Protein backbone atom coordinates (compact mmCIF):
# COMPACT_ATOMS: atom_id res chain seq x y z
CA MET A 1 0.00 0.00 0.00
CA ASP A 2 3.06 2.21 0.40
CA TYR A 3 3.67 2.09 -3.35
CA PHE A 4 0.23 2.26 -4.98
CA LYS A 5 -2.71 4.58 -4.61
CA VAL A 6 -5.57 2.21 -3.77
CA PRO A 7 -8.72 2.58 -1.65
CA LYS A 8 -8.28 2.04 2.10
CA ASP A 9 -10.28 -1.20 2.03
CA VAL A 10 -7.92 -2.88 -0.47
CA TYR A 11 -5.47 -5.41 0.99
CA ALA A 12 -2.88 -7.89 -0.24
CA VAL A 13 -4.15 -11.46 -0.62
CA GLY A 14 -1.42 -13.64 0.81
CA ARG A 15 2.12 -12.44 1.22
CA LEU A 16 5.60 -12.37 -0.21
CA ASP A 17 8.45 -12.27 2.25
CA TYR A 18 10.99 -9.47 2.08
CA ASP A 19 13.43 -11.40 -0.12
CA SER A 20 10.78 -12.66 -2.57
CA GLU A 21 9.50 -11.09 -5.77
CA GLY A 22 6.60 -11.48 -8.15
CA LEU A 23 2.85 -11.49 -8.34
CA LEU A 24 0.81 -10.08 -5.49
CA ILE A 25 -2.96 -9.68 -5.68
CA LEU A 26 -4.56 -6.62 -4.05
CA THR A 27 -8.33 -6.68 -3.57
CA ASN A 28 -11.32 -5.69 -1.49
CA ASP A 29 -13.37 -8.61 -2.85
CA LYS A 30 -14.09 -10.90 0.12
CA ARG A 31 -15.13 -13.79 -2.14
CA LEU A 32 -11.85 -13.62 -4.06
CA ASN A 33 -9.90 -13.34 -0.81
CA ASN A 34 -11.59 -16.50 0.50
CA GLN A 35 -11.12 -18.36 -2.80
CA LEU A 36 -7.37 -17.65 -2.80
CA LEU A 37 -6.59 -18.06 0.90
CA ASN A 38 -8.89 -20.81 2.12
CA PRO A 39 -6.90 -24.09 2.11
CA LEU A 40 -10.04 -25.99 1.04
CA HIS A 41 -9.73 -24.43 -2.44
CA ALA A 42 -6.08 -25.58 -2.87
CA HIS A 43 -5.33 -22.77 -5.30
CA GLN A 44 -2.20 -23.26 -7.40
CA ARG A 45 0.73 -20.87 -7.09
CA THR A 46 3.74 -21.26 -9.33
CA TYR A 47 7.16 -19.98 -8.34
CA TRP A 48 10.34 -19.64 -10.33
CA VAL A 49 13.11 -20.60 -7.95
CA GLN A 50 16.84 -20.16 -8.48
CA VAL A 51 18.62 -22.67 -6.27
CA ASP A 52 22.21 -22.99 -5.17
CA GLY A 53 23.83 -25.85 -7.08
CA ALA A 54 22.89 -28.12 -9.97
CA ILE A 55 19.68 -29.64 -8.66
CA THR A 56 19.36 -33.38 -9.18
CA HIS A 57 16.55 -35.39 -10.73
CA GLN A 58 16.15 -37.16 -7.37
CA ALA A 59 15.71 -33.83 -5.56
CA ILE A 60 12.96 -32.88 -8.05
CA ILE A 61 11.18 -36.22 -7.43
CA THR A 62 11.46 -35.70 -3.67
CA LEU A 63 9.96 -32.19 -3.97
CA GLN A 64 7.10 -33.60 -6.06
CA GLN A 65 6.29 -36.24 -3.45
CA GLY A 66 6.35 -33.80 -0.51
CA VAL A 67 9.08 -33.02 1.98
CA ASN A 68 9.24 -32.51 5.73
CA ILE A 69 9.63 -28.88 6.78
CA SER A 70 9.29 -27.10 10.11
CA VAL A 71 6.10 -25.05 10.59
CA ASP A 72 5.64 -23.30 13.93
CA GLY A 73 8.24 -25.60 15.47
CA LYS A 74 6.52 -28.80 14.32
CA ILE A 75 7.39 -31.15 11.46
CA TYR A 76 4.99 -30.75 8.54
CA CYS A 77 4.95 -32.83 5.34
CA THR A 78 4.16 -30.69 2.32
CA ALA A 79 1.51 -31.81 -0.16
CA LYS A 80 2.48 -33.31 -3.50
CA CYS A 81 3.39 -30.62 -6.01
CA SER A 82 4.72 -30.03 -9.49
CA ALA A 83 8.45 -29.42 -9.78
CA THR A 84 10.44 -29.14 -13.00
CA ILE A 85 13.86 -27.90 -14.01
CA LEU A 86 13.66 -24.91 -16.35
CA GLU A 87 15.74 -25.40 -19.48
CA ALA A 88 16.87 -21.77 -19.41
CA ALA A 89 16.83 -19.00 -16.85
CA PRO A 90 13.60 -17.00 -17.09
CA LEU A 91 13.84 -13.54 -18.62
CA VAL A 92 13.42 -11.40 -15.52
CA ALA A 93 14.76 -8.06 -14.35
CA ALA A 94 18.04 -8.04 -12.49
CA ARG A 95 17.59 -8.34 -8.74
CA ASN A 96 18.57 -5.45 -6.52
CA PRO A 97 20.49 -6.29 -4.46
CA PRO A 98 21.89 -9.12 -6.57
CA ILE A 99 21.95 -12.67 -5.26
CA ARG A 100 25.23 -14.05 -4.00
CA VAL A 101 27.25 -15.76 -6.69
CA ARG A 102 29.91 -18.36 -6.02
CA LYS A 103 32.29 -18.72 -8.93
CA ASN A 104 32.65 -22.50 -8.81
CA ILE A 105 29.08 -23.46 -7.88
CA PRO A 106 26.35 -23.40 -10.54
CA THR A 107 22.76 -22.37 -9.99
CA THR A 108 19.59 -23.93 -11.39
CA TRP A 109 16.14 -22.47 -12.05
CA ILE A 110 13.13 -24.64 -11.28
CA ALA A 111 9.38 -24.11 -11.52
CA LEU A 112 7.52 -25.19 -8.40
CA THR A 113 3.71 -25.25 -8.25
CA ILE A 114 2.18 -25.68 -4.83
CA THR A 115 -1.36 -25.52 -3.46
CA GLU A 116 -0.52 -24.57 0.13
CA GLY A 117 0.98 -21.42 1.57
CA LYS A 118 2.95 -22.16 4.71
CA ASN A 119 5.36 -19.47 5.88
CA ARG A 120 8.53 -19.53 3.74
CA GLN A 121 7.40 -22.92 2.41
CA VAL A 122 9.24 -22.88 -0.94
CA ARG A 123 12.53 -21.84 0.68
CA LYS A 124 12.15 -24.58 3.30
CA MET A 125 11.29 -27.16 0.63
CA THR A 126 14.34 -26.50 -1.53
CA ALA A 127 16.60 -26.43 1.53
CA ALA A 128 15.12 -29.78 2.65
CA VAL A 129 16.38 -31.42 -0.56
CA GLY A 130 19.82 -29.79 -0.25
CA PHE A 131 19.44 -26.90 -2.70
CA PRO A 132 18.84 -23.62 -0.86
CA THR A 133 16.83 -20.90 -2.60
CA LEU A 134 18.83 -17.96 -3.91
CA ARG A 135 16.02 -16.13 -5.69
CA LEU A 136 12.25 -16.64 -5.48
CA ILE A 137 9.72 -15.17 -7.91
CA ARG A 138 5.99 -15.87 -7.71
CA TYR A 139 5.15 -16.39 -11.37
CA SER A 140 1.43 -17.07 -11.07
CA ILE A 141 -1.61 -17.41 -8.86
CA GLY A 142 -4.26 -19.51 -10.56
CA SER A 143 -3.95 -18.62 -14.24
CA CYS A 144 -2.95 -14.99 -13.57
CA THR A 145 0.75 -14.52 -14.35
CA ILE A 146 3.43 -11.82 -14.30
CA VAL A 147 3.78 -12.01 -18.09
CA GLY A 148 4.02 -8.47 -19.46
CA LEU A 149 4.60 -6.88 -16.05
CA LYS A 150 7.82 -5.26 -14.87
CA PRO A 151 8.83 -4.99 -11.21
CA GLY A 152 6.64 -2.35 -9.59
CA ASP A 153 3.90 -2.51 -12.24
CA MET A 154 0.26 -2.76 -11.25
CA LYS A 155 -2.53 -3.99 -13.50
CA LEU A 156 -6.21 -3.45 -12.75
CA LEU A 157 -8.27 -6.57 -13.34
CA THR A 158 -11.83 -6.45 -14.61
CA ALA A 159 -14.60 -8.57 -13.09
CA ASN A 160 -14.24 -10.84 -16.14
CA ASP A 161 -10.48 -11.18 -15.48
CA VAL A 162 -11.13 -12.15 -11.87
CA GLN A 163 -13.73 -14.71 -12.95
CA GLN A 164 -11.40 -16.16 -15.61
CA PHE A 165 -8.25 -16.25 -13.46
CA PHE A 166 -9.56 -17.26 -10.06
CA LEU A 167 -13.26 -18.10 -9.73
CA LYS A 168 -13.75 -20.82 -12.36
CA ASN A 169 -15.07 -23.26 -9.79
CA GLY A 170 -17.24 -20.87 -7.84
């Protein structure tokens, strides 16, 4: 809200932690808020994740099957998800500040689609399989993506956009 002029009753749906980038939905639509945040709806969120090291096929399989992470001090097994290695780094703006780079250790970009939203879940998942997250970009929520948006851009969605992107089942 510090960056955009929006009505006082408009709030962010979900969150991105300080070190994360990407799509954030702002709304005052209570139905949309419930559709996106209520775990019963298991809404898909896709993240582009740059990890430290050359991630292995086994690590991808383990991510897909669910991994144990700590949530509020308790062990939690994440739900099955989609995880794939991206053939090429996505075309995204440079990060400021830049991620740390180690000359002799490669990085890999993966796409991770989850249906839950535990605190720092993606970072904990990649760390659990031995490949810590260096950069995290939320690419999509439902079928709404960051395609065509630059960092700091805001796009107003029509009622038809909201219906198409998020409320297909409701």
